[in-house]
């Protein structure tokens, strides 16, 4: 997919869906180059954090200013290989259009391949901007379908036909991403929408076919303190079960790492608990902490590195960080005045980096 025209990746690839936040940026940047070859991230831009007494117009103005810095930062974090960009979480249509224009044009000038993600129900101004920029930068586009799009398959197919006609792009220039957001505990929702997606016309002709879902909870309220909690990675288990099930085309795996698939703007005002969120083969291991008690991170890390399920400090940048913090626990417990607990951003960066590395390894080692 280097040219953005006819190349593609197959089902042995990985598309993590990540917010453009510092933890995610650090997690991506720290990935080993050998793993980056098998990943094409989808980056969702988000509004900057509110400041006290700030007006709506001021927040939008700050977002516009930040967009100017994003193309260079994206390349610093990811390099010049393809990356999907999504503006759907930004607040206004003019901001979305302007952001697409800035990121794609400036990214193209810097040698990057930024592919805009659009939805069928996007405003026409957003679609027109994406189509024009896709032609200009030769990136193509990513069409992101959601559950409601499948409520009427006749209408869906007509909408897709209209998009192909309006964009001037063929299926070979478009990445098809079916994103069902939250899974259900039994995985039936994944199966339902995979089966429906197989009825999209010319499924084999699309540049790529990606299936995304997520089961990481919005918060850890159901997890217990002082004991381990295991949360099943339903999206991964379901995707494994979908492979080679007499489908027209196996989908590429996409997930939301250790974040909920539903973005809640209000949560930025809440402090996260100092909890370990560690990806295992089929589960997440949660060691729940308390708000702002960062020393708990060290205590939990010390437990984790002694666990047979710990992947080892050489496995990923995130695991190296965790192992170093575990070693620091004995020093800290003797003198809590000593710094070095790490903050929520640093720990989340480690958990995301570990998750991405685990998933790449799993996909690479499939039979």
Protein backbone atom coordinates (compact mmCIF):
# COMPACT_ATOMS: atom_id res chain seq x y z
CA UNK A 1 0.00 0.00 0.00
CA UNK A 2 2.99 2.29 -0.29
CA UNK A 3 1.72 4.10 -3.36
CA UNK A 4 -1.81 4.36 -1.95
CA UNK A 5 -3.13 3.10 -5.30
CA UNK A 6 -3.27 -0.62 -5.90
CA UNK A 7 -1.21 -2.20 -3.14
CA UNK A 8 -2.92 -3.67 -0.11
CA UNK A 9 -2.48 -5.74 3.03
CA UNK A 10 -4.27 -8.98 3.74
CA UNK A 11 -5.79 -10.54 6.86
CA UNK A 12 -2.36 -11.10 8.41
CA UNK A 13 -2.09 -7.45 9.34
CA UNK A 14 -3.29 -5.31 12.25
CA UNK A 15 -5.21 -2.01 12.42
CA UNK A 16 -5.29 -0.57 15.96
CA UNK A 17 -7.76 2.32 16.38
CA UNK A 18 -6.16 4.92 18.63
CA UNK A 19 -6.94 8.44 19.82
CA UNK A 20 -4.35 11.14 19.07
CA UNK A 21 -3.23 11.46 22.69
CA UNK A 22 0.25 11.50 24.17
CA UNK A 23 0.05 7.95 25.58
CA UNK A 24 -0.91 6.53 22.20
CA UNK A 25 1.72 8.60 20.40
CA UNK A 26 4.43 7.33 22.74
CA UNK A 27 3.23 3.73 22.41
CA UNK A 28 3.39 3.87 18.61
CA UNK A 29 6.75 5.61 18.51
CA UNK A 30 8.31 3.01 20.82
CA UNK A 31 7.23 0.05 18.67
CA UNK A 32 10.01 -2.00 17.10
CA UNK A 33 10.41 -1.32 13.37
CA UNK A 34 9.90 -5.02 12.60
CA UNK A 35 6.41 -4.75 14.14
CA UNK A 36 5.47 -1.49 12.45
CA UNK A 37 5.65 -3.28 9.08
CA UNK A 38 2.61 -5.32 10.06
CA UNK A 39 0.52 -2.45 11.44
CA UNK A 40 -1.50 0.36 9.87
CA UNK A 41 -2.94 2.47 12.71
CA UNK A 42 -6.16 4.44 12.47
CA UNK A 43 -5.72 7.72 14.33
CA UNK A 44 -8.76 9.57 15.65
CA UNK A 45 -8.13 13.23 16.35
CA UNK A 46 -9.82 14.58 19.48
CA UNK A 47 -10.57 18.05 20.78
CA UNK A 48 -8.04 19.57 23.20
CA UNK A 49 -8.88 19.45 26.89
CA UNK A 50 -11.17 22.21 28.10
CA UNK A 51 -9.72 25.00 30.18
CA UNK A 52 -11.70 26.60 32.98
CA UNK A 53 -14.13 29.30 31.71
CA UNK A 54 -12.99 28.71 28.11
CA UNK A 55 -15.50 29.57 25.37
CA UNK A 56 -16.45 27.05 22.67
CA UNK A 57 -14.88 29.24 19.97
CA UNK A 58 -11.60 29.29 21.89
CA UNK A 59 -11.49 25.49 22.07
CA UNK A 60 -12.08 25.24 18.31
CA UNK A 61 -9.36 27.85 17.67
CA UNK A 62 -6.91 25.85 19.80
CA UNK A 63 -7.80 22.69 17.87
CA UNK A 64 -7.13 24.47 14.57
CA UNK A 65 -3.74 25.61 15.82
CA UNK A 66 -2.84 22.11 17.00
CA UNK A 67 -3.70 20.65 13.58
CA UNK A 68 -0.81 22.59 12.04
CA UNK A 69 1.63 20.58 14.15
CA UNK A 70 0.06 17.16 13.59
CA UNK A 71 1.47 16.16 10.14
CA UNK A 72 5.07 16.51 11.28
CA UNK A 73 4.29 14.82 14.60
CA UNK A 74 2.55 11.90 12.86
CA UNK A 75 5.63 11.26 10.74
CA UNK A 76 7.88 11.57 13.79
CA UNK A 77 5.75 8.99 15.61
CA UNK A 78 4.99 6.62 12.75
CA UNK A 79 7.22 7.38 9.80
CA UNK A 80 6.12 7.64 6.18
CA UNK A 81 4.29 4.34 5.82
CA UNK A 82 0.47 4.48 5.47
CA UNK A 83 -1.72 5.59 8.34
CA UNK A 84 -5.49 6.20 8.50
CA UNK A 85 -6.71 9.53 9.88
CA UNK A 86 -10.21 10.17 11.21
CA UNK A 87 -11.72 13.57 12.08
CA UNK A 88 -15.15 12.35 13.22
CA UNK A 89 -14.61 13.24 16.91
CA UNK A 90 -13.87 16.90 16.16
CA UNK A 91 -16.73 19.25 17.00
CA UNK A 92 -17.70 21.14 13.83
CA UNK A 93 -17.90 20.40 10.12
CA UNK A 94 -15.64 23.36 9.17
CA UNK A 95 -13.01 22.13 11.66
CA UNK A 96 -13.22 18.60 10.23
CA UNK A 97 -12.81 19.85 6.66
CA UNK A 98 -9.93 22.17 7.56
CA UNK A 99 -8.22 19.44 9.58
CA UNK A 100 -8.40 16.97 6.70
CA UNK A 101 -6.97 19.55 4.36
CA UNK A 102 -4.08 20.48 6.65
CA UNK A 103 -3.14 16.95 7.66
CA UNK A 104 -3.32 15.36 4.22
CA UNK A 105 -1.71 18.16 2.25
CA UNK A 106 1.10 18.86 4.69
CA UNK A 107 1.63 15.17 5.36
CA UNK A 108 1.91 14.53 1.62
CA UNK A 109 4.51 17.31 1.29
CA UNK A 110 6.52 15.63 4.04
CA UNK A 111 6.39 12.29 2.23
CA UNK A 112 3.75 10.65 4.42
CA UNK A 113 0.80 8.54 3.28
CA UNK A 114 -2.25 9.72 5.24
CA UNK A 115 -5.53 8.06 4.25
CA UNK A 116 -8.74 9.89 5.25
CA UNK A 117 -11.49 7.82 6.90
CA UNK A 118 -15.06 8.87 6.12
CA UNK A 119 -18.57 7.64 6.98
CA UNK A 120 -21.62 7.27 4.74
CA UNK A 121 -23.56 9.77 6.88
CA UNK A 122 -20.80 12.42 6.90
CA UNK A 123 -21.75 15.92 5.72
CA UNK A 124 -21.23 16.44 2.00
CA UNK A 125 -18.51 19.04 2.66
CA UNK A 126 -16.44 16.42 4.52
CA UNK A 127 -16.90 13.83 1.78
CA UNK A 128 -16.04 16.29 -0.99
CA UNK A 129 -12.89 17.37 0.85
CA UNK A 130 -11.83 13.75 1.39
CA UNK A 131 -12.46 12.81 -2.26
CA UNK A 132 -10.54 15.81 -3.57
CA UNK A 133 -7.61 15.30 -1.20
CA UNK A 134 -7.50 11.57 -1.93
CA UNK A 135 -7.16 12.32 -5.65
CA UNK A 136 -4.59 15.05 -5.01
CA UNK A 137 -2.36 13.00 -2.71
CA UNK A 138 -3.12 9.64 -4.40
CA UNK A 139 -3.86 8.18 -0.97
CA UNK A 140 -7.32 6.78 -1.65
CA UNK A 141 -9.82 6.76 1.21
CA UNK A 142 -11.05 4.52 4.01
CA UNK A 143 -14.81 3.93 4.16
CA UNK A 144 -15.84 3.27 7.76
CA UNK A 145 -19.16 1.44 8.04
CA UNK A 146 -21.02 1.22 11.37
CA UNK A 147 -23.83 -1.03 12.61
CA UNK A 148 -26.68 1.29 11.60
CA UNK A 149 -25.45 1.20 7.99
CA UNK A 150 -26.43 -2.48 7.83
CA UNK A 151 -30.06 -1.98 8.90
CA UNK A 152 -31.10 -1.79 5.23
CA UNK A 153 -28.76 -3.68 2.89
CA UNK A 154 -30.45 -2.39 -0.27
CA UNK A 155 -29.93 1.20 0.88
CA UNK A 156 -26.37 0.40 1.99
CA UNK A 157 -25.44 -0.94 -1.40
CA UNK A 158 -27.01 2.08 -3.11
CA UNK A 159 -25.15 4.45 -0.78
CA UNK A 160 -21.87 2.67 -1.59
CA UNK A 161 -22.62 2.91 -5.32
CA UNK A 162 -23.28 6.64 -4.91
CA UNK A 163 -20.03 7.08 -3.01
CA UNK A 164 -18.04 5.32 -5.72
CA UNK A 165 -19.66 7.48 -8.36
CA UNK A 166 -19.24 10.76 -6.45
CA UNK A 167 -15.66 10.14 -5.38
CA UNK A 168 -14.34 9.05 -8.75
CA UNK A 169 -12.54 6.24 -6.92
CA UNK A 170 -12.86 2.54 -7.53
CA UNK A 171 -13.00 -0.16 -4.87
CA UNK A 172 -9.28 -0.82 -5.45
CA UNK A 173 -8.55 2.68 -4.07
CA UNK A 174 -10.71 2.30 -0.95
CA UNK A 175 -10.07 0.52 2.33
CA UNK A 176 -13.32 -0.94 3.67
CA UNK A 177 -13.54 -0.85 7.47
CA UNK A 178 -16.56 -2.38 9.21
CA UNK A 179 -16.53 -1.05 12.77
CA UNK A 180 -19.19 -2.44 15.13
CA UNK A 181 -17.78 -0.68 18.23
CA UNK A 182 -18.73 -2.62 21.39
CA UNK A 183 -18.90 -6.39 21.26
CA UNK A 184 -21.37 -8.56 23.15
CA UNK A 185 -20.21 -11.04 25.76
CA UNK A 186 -21.00 -14.05 23.60
CA UNK A 187 -19.42 -12.63 20.42
CA UNK A 188 -22.67 -13.04 18.44
CA UNK A 189 -22.59 -9.39 17.37
CA UNK A 190 -19.23 -9.93 15.67
CA UNK A 191 -20.55 -12.97 13.81
CA UNK A 192 -23.74 -11.17 12.76
CA UNK A 193 -21.98 -8.19 11.22
CA UNK A 194 -19.21 -10.21 9.62
CA UNK A 195 -21.90 -12.22 7.85
CA UNK A 196 -23.71 -9.04 6.78
CA UNK A 197 -20.48 -7.48 5.54
CA UNK A 198 -19.92 -10.47 3.26
CA UNK A 199 -22.93 -9.24 1.27
CA UNK A 200 -21.26 -5.96 0.30
CA UNK A 201 -20.87 -5.95 -3.51
CA UNK A 202 -17.46 -6.78 -4.98
CA UNK A 203 -15.97 -7.57 -1.59
CA UNK A 204 -12.82 -9.00 -3.16
CA UNK A 205 -12.14 -5.81 -5.11
CA UNK A 206 -11.75 -3.40 -2.18
CA UNK A 207 -8.16 -2.42 -1.44
CA UNK A 208 -8.46 -3.90 2.06
CA UNK A 209 -11.25 -5.35 4.19
CA UNK A 210 -10.98 -4.63 7.94
CA UNK A 211 -13.27 -5.65 10.81
CA UNK A 212 -13.10 -3.66 14.05
CA UNK A 213 -14.68 -4.05 17.47
CA UNK A 214 -13.75 -3.59 21.11
CA UNK A 215 -14.62 -5.07 24.48
CA UNK A 216 -12.40 -3.12 26.86
CA UNK A 217 -14.74 -1.42 29.36
CA UNK A 218 -15.27 2.33 29.63
CA UNK A 219 -14.27 2.15 33.29
CA UNK A 220 -13.11 -0.49 35.77
CA UNK A 221 -16.06 -0.19 38.16
CA UNK A 222 -16.85 -3.91 37.87
CA UNK A 223 -13.28 -4.89 38.73
CA UNK A 224 -12.33 -5.65 42.33
CA UNK A 225 -9.48 -4.22 44.39
CA UNK A 226 -6.78 -6.43 45.87
CA UNK A 227 -7.29 -9.34 43.48
CA UNK A 228 -6.69 -10.05 39.84
CA UNK A 229 -9.48 -9.46 37.35
CA UNK A 230 -9.60 -11.10 33.92
CA UNK A 231 -11.60 -9.43 31.14
CA UNK A 232 -11.99 -11.55 27.98
CA UNK A 233 -10.68 -10.08 24.73
CA UNK A 234 -13.94 -10.90 22.97
CA UNK A 235 -13.00 -9.10 19.75
CA UNK A 236 -9.84 -11.20 19.40
CA UNK A 237 -11.52 -14.50 20.30
CA UNK A 238 -14.40 -13.73 17.90
CA UNK A 239 -12.06 -12.76 15.07
CA UNK A 240 -10.12 -16.01 15.49
CA UNK A 241 -13.39 -17.90 15.26
CA UNK A 242 -14.37 -16.04 12.09
CA UNK A 243 -11.24 -16.94 10.16
CA UNK A 244 -11.66 -19.42 7.32
CA UNK A 245 -15.40 -19.89 7.98
CA UNK A 246 -16.34 -20.09 4.29
CA UNK A 247 -16.32 -16.33 3.94
CA UNK A 248 -15.73 -14.56 0.65
CA UNK A 249 -12.88 -12.66 2.25
CA UNK A 250 -11.18 -12.93 5.64
CA UNK A 251 -11.05 -9.55 7.39
CA UNK A 252 -7.99 -7.84 8.80
CA UNK A 253 -8.17 -7.56 12.60
CA UNK A 254 -8.78 -4.15 14.19
CA UNK A 255 -9.37 -3.24 17.83
CA UNK A 256 -9.20 -0.36 20.31
CA UNK A 257 -6.24 -1.69 22.35
CA UNK A 258 -6.82 -1.07 26.08
CA UNK A 259 -9.38 1.68 25.49
CA UNK A 260 -13.15 1.52 25.24
CA UNK A 261 -14.51 1.72 21.67
CA UNK A 262 -16.91 4.46 22.84
CA UNK A 263 -15.22 7.81 23.38
CA UNK A 264 -16.71 9.78 26.24
CA UNK A 265 -15.61 13.42 26.17
CA UNK A 266 -16.66 13.92 29.80
CA UNK A 267 -14.16 11.35 31.10
CA UNK A 268 -11.28 13.76 30.49
CA UNK A 269 -12.41 15.55 33.68
CA UNK A 270 -11.98 12.41 35.80
CA UNK A 271 -8.74 11.02 37.19
CA UNK A 272 -7.99 7.44 36.25
CA UNK A 273 -7.18 4.81 38.85
CA UNK A 274 -3.60 3.56 39.15
CA UNK A 275 -4.51 0.23 37.56
CA UNK A 276 -2.48 -2.31 35.60
CA UNK A 277 -4.10 -3.16 32.23
CA UNK A 278 -2.00 -5.99 30.88
CA UNK A 279 -2.83 -7.86 27.69
CA UNK A 280 -2.64 -11.67 27.79
CA UNK A 281 -3.34 -14.17 25.02
CA UNK A 282 -7.15 -14.12 25.34
CA UNK A 283 -7.77 -11.76 28.28
CA UNK A 284 -6.72 -8.51 29.89
CA UNK A 285 -5.26 -8.85 33.37
CA UNK A 286 -6.49 -5.97 35.52
CA UNK A 287 -4.88 -5.15 38.86
CA UNK A 288 -7.12 -2.34 40.06
CA UNK A 289 -5.65 0.61 41.92
CA UNK A 290 -6.98 3.86 43.33
CA UNK A 291 -7.09 7.41 42.05
CA UNK A 292 -3.79 9.32 42.21
CA UNK A 293 -2.11 6.63 44.35
CA UNK A 294 0.72 6.07 41.88
CA UNK A 295 2.71 3.95 44.32
CA UNK A 296 0.14 1.21 43.67
CA UNK A 297 1.49 0.99 40.12
CA UNK A 298 4.86 -0.08 41.51
CA UNK A 299 3.35 -2.65 43.88
CA UNK A 300 1.22 -4.13 41.09
CA UNK A 301 4.18 -4.16 38.70
CA UNK A 302 6.23 -6.04 41.30
CA UNK A 303 3.50 -8.70 41.41
CA UNK A 304 3.13 -8.81 37.64
CA UNK A 305 6.78 -9.43 36.78
CA UNK A 306 6.82 -12.48 39.07
CA UNK A 307 3.74 -13.89 37.34
CA UNK A 308 4.35 -16.67 34.78
CA UNK A 309 2.11 -14.74 32.36
CA UNK A 310 4.47 -11.74 32.23
CA UNK A 311 6.00 -11.60 28.77
CA UNK A 312 9.44 -10.52 29.97
CA UNK A 313 11.20 -7.16 29.91
CA UNK A 314 12.68 -7.79 26.44
CA UNK A 315 9.29 -8.40 24.82
CA UNK A 316 8.36 -4.75 24.26
CA UNK A 317 9.16 -1.21 25.31
CA UNK A 318 6.08 -1.34 27.57
CA UNK A 319 7.31 -4.51 29.30
CA UNK A 320 10.75 -2.99 29.81
CA UNK A 321 9.12 0.02 31.50
CA UNK A 322 7.01 -2.26 33.72
CA UNK A 323 10.04 -4.34 34.75
CA UNK A 324 12.07 -1.22 35.59
CA UNK A 325 9.24 0.13 37.75
CA UNK A 326 8.90 -3.24 39.50
CA UNK A 327 12.59 -3.07 40.44
CA UNK A 328 12.03 0.43 41.83
CA UNK A 329 9.30 -0.80 44.21
CA UNK A 330 11.66 -1.85 47.04
CA UNK A 331 13.36 1.57 47.01
CA UNK A 332 10.02 3.35 46.98
CA UNK A 333 8.46 1.30 49.78
CA UNK A 334 11.39 2.20 52.08
CA UNK A 335 11.10 5.89 51.26
CA UNK A 336 7.90 7.07 49.51
CA UNK A 337 9.48 10.51 49.14
CA UNK A 338 11.58 9.03 46.34
CA UNK A 339 10.24 9.85 42.92
CA UNK A 340 9.81 7.38 40.07
CA UNK A 341 6.31 5.94 40.32
CA UNK A 342 5.44 7.07 36.80
CA UNK A 343 2.16 8.80 36.01
CA UNK A 344 -1.03 7.62 34.29
CA UNK A 345 0.16 8.76 30.85
CA UNK A 346 3.43 6.81 31.12
CA UNK A 347 1.73 3.65 32.32
CA UNK A 348 -0.97 3.81 29.66
CA UNK A 349 1.73 4.23 27.03
CA UNK A 350 3.37 1.05 28.33
CA UNK A 351 0.10 -0.92 28.35
CA UNK A 352 -0.80 0.16 24.81
CA UNK A 353 2.69 -0.59 23.50
CA UNK A 354 2.56 -4.05 25.09
CA UNK A 355 -0.92 -4.67 23.66
CA UNK A 356 0.14 -3.71 20.13
CA UNK A 357 3.19 -5.96 20.35
CA UNK A 358 1.19 -8.92 21.68
CA UNK A 359 -1.39 -8.59 18.91
CA UNK A 360 1.20 -8.32 16.14
CA UNK A 361 2.91 -11.46 17.46
CA UNK A 362 -0.40 -13.33 17.64
CA UNK A 363 -1.33 -12.47 14.06
CA UNK A 364 2.18 -13.28 12.76
CA UNK A 365 2.08 -16.73 14.39
CA UNK A 366 -1.33 -17.81 13.17
CA UNK A 367 -1.39 -21.23 11.49
